[in-house]
Amino acid sequence: MMTVSLIGVGASVGAITRYELTKIIKKRIPSYFPFGTLIINILACFVIGFLAATTLESSNWYAIMAIGFCGGLSTFSTMSLETMVLLQERRYRMAVEYILFSLVIGIMAVSLGALIC
């Protein structure tokens, strides 16, 4: 039960962090392109890569940060919705760029996070 509670705390903090960072990024980079979600997903990939390389999966720290915080912070469902909106708005190139940037840079961020340790 303790692990479930830790995951819940981490997810809450991750979701609130996502909300606040998205507001800040939208103010600083006004654009149709969803930079906020892209940047946040890359950050979550980096953090989870670092944690995977430095923390035992069975630890409480991994539960609160990797499963909870990164799970609450990362926004694949939001990315999917934003991609659908771009497609509905006929911004096809931007939708493809968003998908590619998210996947390629996300994988690079996980690798970098793992290499840092």
N, C-alpha and C. Protein backbone atom coordinates (compact mmCIF):
# COMPACT_ATOMS: atom_id res chain seq x y z
N MET A 1 0.82 -1.20 0.00
CA MET A 1 0.00 0.00 0.00
C MET A 1 0.87 1.26 0.00
N MET A 2 2.02 1.18 0.67
CA MET A 2 2.93 2.31 0.73
C MET A 2 3.41 2.69 -0.67
N THR A 3 3.76 1.69 -1.48
CA THR A 3 4.23 1.95 -2.84
C THR A 3 3.15 2.63 -3.67
N VAL A 4 1.92 2.18 -3.55
CA VAL A 4 0.81 2.78 -4.30
C VAL A 4 0.64 4.24 -3.89
N SER A 5 0.76 4.52 -2.61
CA SER A 5 0.65 5.90 -2.13
C SER A 5 1.78 6.76 -2.69
N LEU A 6 2.99 6.23 -2.72
CA LEU A 6 4.12 6.97 -3.27
C LEU A 6 3.91 7.27 -4.75
N ILE A 7 3.42 6.30 -5.48
CA ILE A 7 3.14 6.51 -6.91
C ILE A 7 2.09 7.61 -7.07
N GLY A 8 1.07 7.59 -6.24
CA GLY A 8 0.02 8.62 -6.31
C GLY A 8 0.56 10.01 -6.03
N VAL A 9 1.43 10.13 -5.03
CA VAL A 9 2.04 11.42 -4.71
C VAL A 9 2.89 11.89 -5.89
N GLY A 10 3.71 11.00 -6.42
CA GLY A 10 4.56 11.36 -7.56
C GLY A 10 3.75 11.77 -8.77
N ALA A 11 2.67 11.04 -9.05
CA ALA A 11 1.82 11.36 -10.20
C ALA A 11 1.15 12.71 -10.02
N SER A 12 0.72 13.01 -8.81
CA SER A 12 0.09 14.31 -8.54
C SER A 12 1.08 15.44 -8.79
N VAL A 13 2.28 15.30 -8.27
CA VAL A 13 3.31 16.32 -8.47
C VAL A 13 3.67 16.43 -9.95
N GLY A 14 3.77 15.30 -10.64
CA GLY A 14 4.08 15.32 -12.07
C GLY A 14 3.01 16.02 -12.88
N ALA A 15 1.75 15.75 -12.57
CA ALA A 15 0.64 16.38 -13.31
C ALA A 15 0.59 17.88 -13.06
N ILE A 16 0.80 18.29 -11.82
CA ILE A 16 0.81 19.72 -11.51
C ILE A 16 2.00 20.40 -12.19
N THR A 17 3.14 19.73 -12.18
CA THR A 17 4.32 20.26 -12.87
C THR A 17 4.04 20.43 -14.35
N ARG A 18 3.41 19.42 -14.97
CA ARG A 18 3.06 19.51 -16.39
C ARG A 18 2.16 20.71 -16.65
N TYR A 19 1.16 20.89 -15.84
CA TYR A 19 0.21 22.00 -16.01
C TYR A 19 0.93 23.35 -15.93
N GLU A 20 1.75 23.52 -14.91
CA GLU A 20 2.45 24.79 -14.71
C GLU A 20 3.48 25.05 -15.81
N LEU A 21 4.26 24.03 -16.16
CA LEU A 21 5.26 24.20 -17.23
C LEU A 21 4.60 24.50 -18.57
N THR A 22 3.47 23.86 -18.84
CA THR A 22 2.76 24.12 -20.10
C THR A 22 2.34 25.58 -20.18
N LYS A 23 1.82 26.13 -19.11
CA LYS A 23 1.41 27.54 -19.09
C LYS A 23 2.61 28.45 -19.36
N ILE A 24 3.73 28.17 -18.70
CA ILE A 24 4.93 28.99 -18.87
C ILE A 24 5.43 28.91 -20.30
N ILE A 25 5.51 27.71 -20.85
CA ILE A 25 6.03 27.54 -22.21
C ILE A 25 5.12 28.19 -23.23
N LYS A 26 3.80 28.07 -23.07
CA LYS A 26 2.87 28.70 -24.02
C LYS A 26 3.01 30.22 -24.02
N LYS A 27 3.29 30.81 -22.86
CA LYS A 27 3.48 32.26 -22.80
C LYS A 27 4.77 32.67 -23.50
N ARG A 28 5.80 31.85 -23.35
CA ARG A 28 7.11 32.20 -23.91
C ARG A 28 7.26 31.83 -25.38
N ILE A 29 6.54 30.79 -25.81
CA ILE A 29 6.63 30.34 -27.20
C ILE A 29 5.21 30.21 -27.77
N PRO A 30 4.59 31.34 -28.11
CA PRO A 30 3.23 31.24 -28.67
C PRO A 30 3.29 30.65 -30.08
N SER A 31 2.59 29.55 -30.29
CA SER A 31 2.64 28.85 -31.57
C SER A 31 1.52 27.83 -31.64
N TYR A 32 1.14 27.47 -32.87
CA TYR A 32 0.22 26.35 -33.04
C TYR A 32 0.90 25.03 -32.69
N PHE A 33 2.22 24.98 -32.90
CA PHE A 33 2.97 23.77 -32.60
C PHE A 33 2.97 23.56 -31.09
N PRO A 34 2.67 22.37 -30.62
CA PRO A 34 2.56 22.11 -29.18
C PRO A 34 3.92 21.92 -28.50
N PHE A 35 4.70 23.01 -28.44
CA PHE A 35 6.03 22.96 -27.84
C PHE A 35 5.99 22.52 -26.38
N GLY A 36 4.98 22.96 -25.64
CA GLY A 36 4.90 22.62 -24.22
C GLY A 36 4.89 21.13 -23.99
N THR A 37 4.01 20.43 -24.68
CA THR A 37 3.92 18.98 -24.52
C THR A 37 5.20 18.30 -25.00
N LEU A 38 5.75 18.77 -26.10
CA LEU A 38 6.99 18.19 -26.63
C LEU A 38 8.12 18.31 -25.61
N ILE A 39 8.32 19.51 -25.08
CA ILE A 39 9.40 19.75 -24.12
C ILE A 39 9.19 18.92 -22.85
N ILE A 40 7.96 18.87 -22.38
CA ILE A 40 7.66 18.12 -21.16
C ILE A 40 7.87 16.62 -21.38
N ASN A 41 7.45 16.10 -22.52
CA ASN A 41 7.66 14.68 -22.80
C ASN A 41 9.14 14.35 -22.88
N ILE A 42 9.94 15.24 -23.47
CA ILE A 42 11.38 15.02 -23.56
C ILE A 42 12.00 15.05 -22.16
N LEU A 43 11.55 15.99 -21.34
CA LEU A 43 12.04 16.05 -19.96
C LEU A 43 11.71 14.75 -19.21
N ALA A 44 10.48 14.27 -19.35
CA ALA A 44 10.08 13.02 -18.69
C ALA A 44 10.91 11.85 -19.20
N CYS A 45 11.19 11.81 -20.50
CA CYS A 45 12.03 10.75 -21.06
C CYS A 45 13.43 10.79 -20.46
N PHE A 46 13.99 11.99 -20.35
CA PHE A 46 15.32 12.14 -19.77
C PHE A 46 15.34 11.64 -18.32
N VAL A 47 14.37 12.09 -17.54
CA VAL A 47 14.33 11.70 -16.12
C VAL A 47 14.16 10.20 -15.97
N ILE A 48 13.26 9.60 -16.75
CA ILE A 48 13.04 8.16 -16.60
C ILE A 48 14.25 7.36 -17.09
N GLY A 49 14.96 7.87 -18.10
CA GLY A 49 16.19 7.21 -18.54
C GLY A 49 17.25 7.25 -17.46
N PHE A 50 17.40 8.40 -16.82
CA PHE A 50 18.35 8.55 -15.72
C PHE A 50 17.99 7.61 -14.57
N LEU A 51 16.72 7.59 -14.21
CA LEU A 51 16.28 6.73 -13.10
C LEU A 51 16.45 5.25 -13.42
N ALA A 52 16.18 4.87 -14.65
CA ALA A 52 16.32 3.47 -15.04
C ALA A 52 17.77 3.01 -14.92
N ALA A 53 18.70 3.93 -15.16
CA ALA A 53 20.11 3.58 -15.10
C ALA A 53 20.70 3.67 -13.70
N THR A 54 20.03 4.38 -12.80
CA THR A 54 20.64 4.63 -11.48
C THR A 54 19.85 4.07 -10.30
N THR A 55 18.66 3.59 -10.52
CA THR A 55 17.78 3.23 -9.40
C THR A 55 17.24 1.82 -9.59
N LEU A 56 17.16 1.07 -8.52
CA LEU A 56 16.54 -0.25 -8.58
C LEU A 56 15.04 -0.10 -8.79
N GLU A 57 14.49 -0.90 -9.71
CA GLU A 57 13.06 -0.82 -10.00
C GLU A 57 12.20 -1.12 -8.78
N SER A 58 12.73 -1.86 -7.84
CA SER A 58 11.94 -2.23 -6.67
C SER A 58 11.99 -1.18 -5.56
N SER A 59 12.74 -0.10 -5.76
CA SER A 59 12.89 0.91 -4.70
C SER A 59 11.70 1.87 -4.65
N ASN A 60 11.51 2.46 -3.49
CA ASN A 60 10.46 3.48 -3.34
C ASN A 60 10.76 4.71 -4.19
N TRP A 61 12.04 5.06 -4.31
CA TRP A 61 12.44 6.22 -5.11
C TRP A 61 12.02 6.03 -6.57
N TYR A 62 12.23 4.84 -7.10
CA TYR A 62 11.82 4.54 -8.48
C TYR A 62 10.31 4.63 -8.60
N ALA A 63 9.59 4.12 -7.61
CA ALA A 63 8.13 4.15 -7.65
C ALA A 63 7.61 5.58 -7.69
N ILE A 64 8.13 6.43 -6.81
CA ILE A 64 7.61 7.80 -6.74
C ILE A 64 8.04 8.63 -7.95
N MET A 65 9.28 8.45 -8.42
CA MET A 65 9.79 9.30 -9.49
C MET A 65 9.51 8.75 -10.89
N ALA A 66 9.88 7.52 -11.16
CA ALA A 66 9.73 6.98 -12.52
C ALA A 66 8.28 6.66 -12.84
N ILE A 67 7.64 5.89 -11.97
CA ILE A 67 6.26 5.49 -12.24
C ILE A 67 5.31 6.65 -11.96
N GLY A 68 5.45 7.28 -10.79
CA GLY A 68 4.53 8.34 -10.40
C GLY A 68 4.79 9.65 -11.12
N PHE A 69 5.92 10.30 -10.81
CA PHE A 69 6.21 11.63 -11.35
C PHE A 69 6.27 11.63 -12.87
N CYS A 70 7.07 10.74 -13.45
CA CYS A 70 7.19 10.71 -14.92
C CYS A 70 5.88 10.31 -15.58
N GLY A 71 5.14 9.42 -14.94
CA GLY A 71 3.83 9.04 -15.47
C GLY A 71 2.86 10.20 -15.46
N GLY A 72 2.89 11.01 -14.39
CA GLY A 72 2.03 12.19 -14.32
C GLY A 72 2.51 13.32 -15.21
N LEU A 73 3.82 13.40 -15.40
CA LEU A 73 4.41 14.46 -16.21
C LEU A 73 4.28 14.19 -17.70
N SER A 74 4.58 12.99 -18.12
CA SER A 74 4.55 12.64 -19.54
C SER A 74 3.11 12.57 -20.03
N THR A 75 2.91 12.96 -21.24
CA THR A 75 1.54 13.19 -21.70
C THR A 75 1.30 12.61 -23.08
N PHE A 76 1.41 11.30 -23.20
CA PHE A 76 1.20 10.69 -24.51
C PHE A 76 -0.23 10.91 -24.99
N SER A 77 -1.19 10.84 -24.08
CA SER A 77 -2.58 11.07 -24.50
C SER A 77 -2.77 12.50 -24.98
N THR A 78 -2.13 13.45 -24.31
CA THR A 78 -2.21 14.85 -24.76
C THR A 78 -1.53 15.01 -26.10
N MET A 79 -0.38 14.37 -26.27
CA MET A 79 0.32 14.43 -27.55
C MET A 79 -0.56 13.88 -28.67
N SER A 80 -1.23 12.79 -28.40
CA SER A 80 -2.11 12.19 -29.41
C SER A 80 -3.26 13.12 -29.76
N LEU A 81 -3.85 13.75 -28.76
CA LEU A 81 -4.94 14.69 -29.01
C LEU A 81 -4.44 15.89 -29.81
N GLU A 82 -3.29 16.44 -29.43
CA GLU A 82 -2.75 17.59 -30.15
C GLU A 82 -2.41 17.23 -31.59
N THR A 83 -1.93 16.02 -31.82
CA THR A 83 -1.66 15.56 -33.18
C THR A 83 -2.95 15.46 -33.98
N MET A 84 -4.01 14.92 -33.37
CA MET A 84 -5.30 14.83 -34.04
C MET A 84 -5.81 16.22 -34.41
N VAL A 85 -5.66 17.18 -33.51
CA VAL A 85 -6.11 18.55 -33.79
C VAL A 85 -5.32 19.13 -34.95
N LEU A 86 -4.01 18.93 -34.96
CA LEU A 86 -3.19 19.41 -36.08
C LEU A 86 -3.67 18.80 -37.39
N LEU A 87 -3.99 17.52 -37.38
CA LEU A 87 -4.48 16.86 -38.59
C LEU A 87 -5.84 17.42 -39.01
N GLN A 88 -6.72 17.65 -38.04
CA GLN A 88 -8.03 18.22 -38.36
C GLN A 88 -7.90 19.62 -38.94
N GLU A 89 -6.90 20.35 -38.49
CA GLU A 89 -6.64 21.70 -39.01
C GLU A 89 -5.84 21.67 -40.30
N ARG A 90 -5.59 20.47 -40.82
CA ARG A 90 -4.84 20.26 -42.06
C ARG A 90 -3.40 20.76 -41.97
N ARG A 91 -2.85 20.71 -40.80
CA ARG A 91 -1.45 21.06 -40.59
C ARG A 91 -0.65 19.75 -40.60
N TYR A 92 -0.66 19.11 -41.75
CA TYR A 92 -0.10 17.76 -41.88
C TYR A 92 1.39 17.71 -41.60
N ARG A 93 2.11 18.64 -42.18
CA ARG A 93 3.56 18.65 -41.97
C ARG A 93 3.89 18.84 -40.49
N MET A 94 3.20 19.77 -39.85
CA MET A 94 3.45 20.02 -38.44
C MET A 94 3.12 18.78 -37.60
N ALA A 95 2.06 18.07 -37.95
CA ALA A 95 1.68 16.85 -37.22
C ALA A 95 2.78 15.79 -37.35
N VAL A 96 3.29 15.61 -38.56
CA VAL A 96 4.35 14.62 -38.78
C VAL A 96 5.63 15.04 -38.04
N GLU A 97 5.97 16.33 -38.11
CA GLU A 97 7.15 16.81 -37.39
C GLU A 97 7.01 16.57 -35.89
N TYR A 98 5.83 16.84 -35.38
CA TYR A 98 5.58 16.66 -33.95
C TYR A 98 5.76 15.20 -33.53
N ILE A 99 5.21 14.30 -34.31
CA ILE A 99 5.35 12.87 -34.01
C ILE A 99 6.83 12.47 -34.06
N LEU A 100 7.52 12.87 -35.12
CA LEU A 100 8.93 12.50 -35.28
C LEU A 100 9.80 13.10 -34.18
N PHE A 101 9.61 14.41 -33.90
CA PHE A 101 10.39 15.05 -32.85
C PHE A 101 10.14 14.36 -31.51
N SER A 102 8.90 14.07 -31.22
CA SER A 102 8.56 13.45 -29.94
C SER A 102 9.24 12.10 -29.79
N LEU A 103 9.18 11.28 -30.82
CA LEU A 103 9.76 9.94 -30.73
C LEU A 103 11.28 9.97 -30.75
N VAL A 104 11.86 10.65 -31.73
CA VAL A 104 13.31 10.64 -31.89
C VAL A 104 14.00 11.35 -30.73
N ILE A 105 13.54 12.55 -30.41
CA ILE A 105 14.18 13.29 -29.32
C ILE A 105 13.87 12.62 -27.98
N GLY A 106 12.69 12.03 -27.85
CA GLY A 106 12.34 11.31 -26.62
C GLY A 106 13.28 10.14 -26.38
N ILE A 107 13.55 9.37 -27.42
CA ILE A 107 14.48 8.24 -27.30
C ILE A 107 15.89 8.74 -26.99
N MET A 108 16.29 9.82 -27.63
CA MET A 108 17.60 10.39 -27.35
C MET A 108 17.69 10.87 -25.89
N ALA A 109 16.61 11.46 -25.38
CA ALA A 109 16.60 11.94 -23.99
C ALA A 109 16.70 10.78 -23.00
N VAL A 110 16.00 9.68 -23.28
CA VAL A 110 16.10 8.50 -22.42
C VAL A 110 17.55 8.00 -22.42
N SER A 111 18.16 7.92 -23.59
CA SER A 111 19.54 7.46 -23.70
C SER A 111 20.50 8.39 -22.96
N LEU A 112 20.31 9.69 -23.12
CA LEU A 112 21.16 10.66 -22.44
C LEU A 112 21.00 10.56 -20.93
N GLY A 113 19.76 10.43 -20.49
CA GLY A 113 19.52 10.27 -19.06
C GLY A 113 20.21 9.04 -18.50
N ALA A 114 20.21 7.96 -19.26
CA ALA A 114 20.86 6.72 -18.82
C ALA A 114 22.38 6.85 -18.86
N LEU A 115 22.91 7.62 -19.81
CA LEU A 115 24.36 7.76 -19.95
C LEU A 115 24.99 8.66 -18.89
N ILE A 116 24.23 9.58 -18.36
CA ILE A 116 24.77 10.56 -17.41
C ILE A 116 25.35 9.90 -16.17
N CYS A 117 24.74 8.81 -15.74
CA CYS A 117 25.22 8.18 -14.50
C CYS A 117 26.54 7.58 -14.75
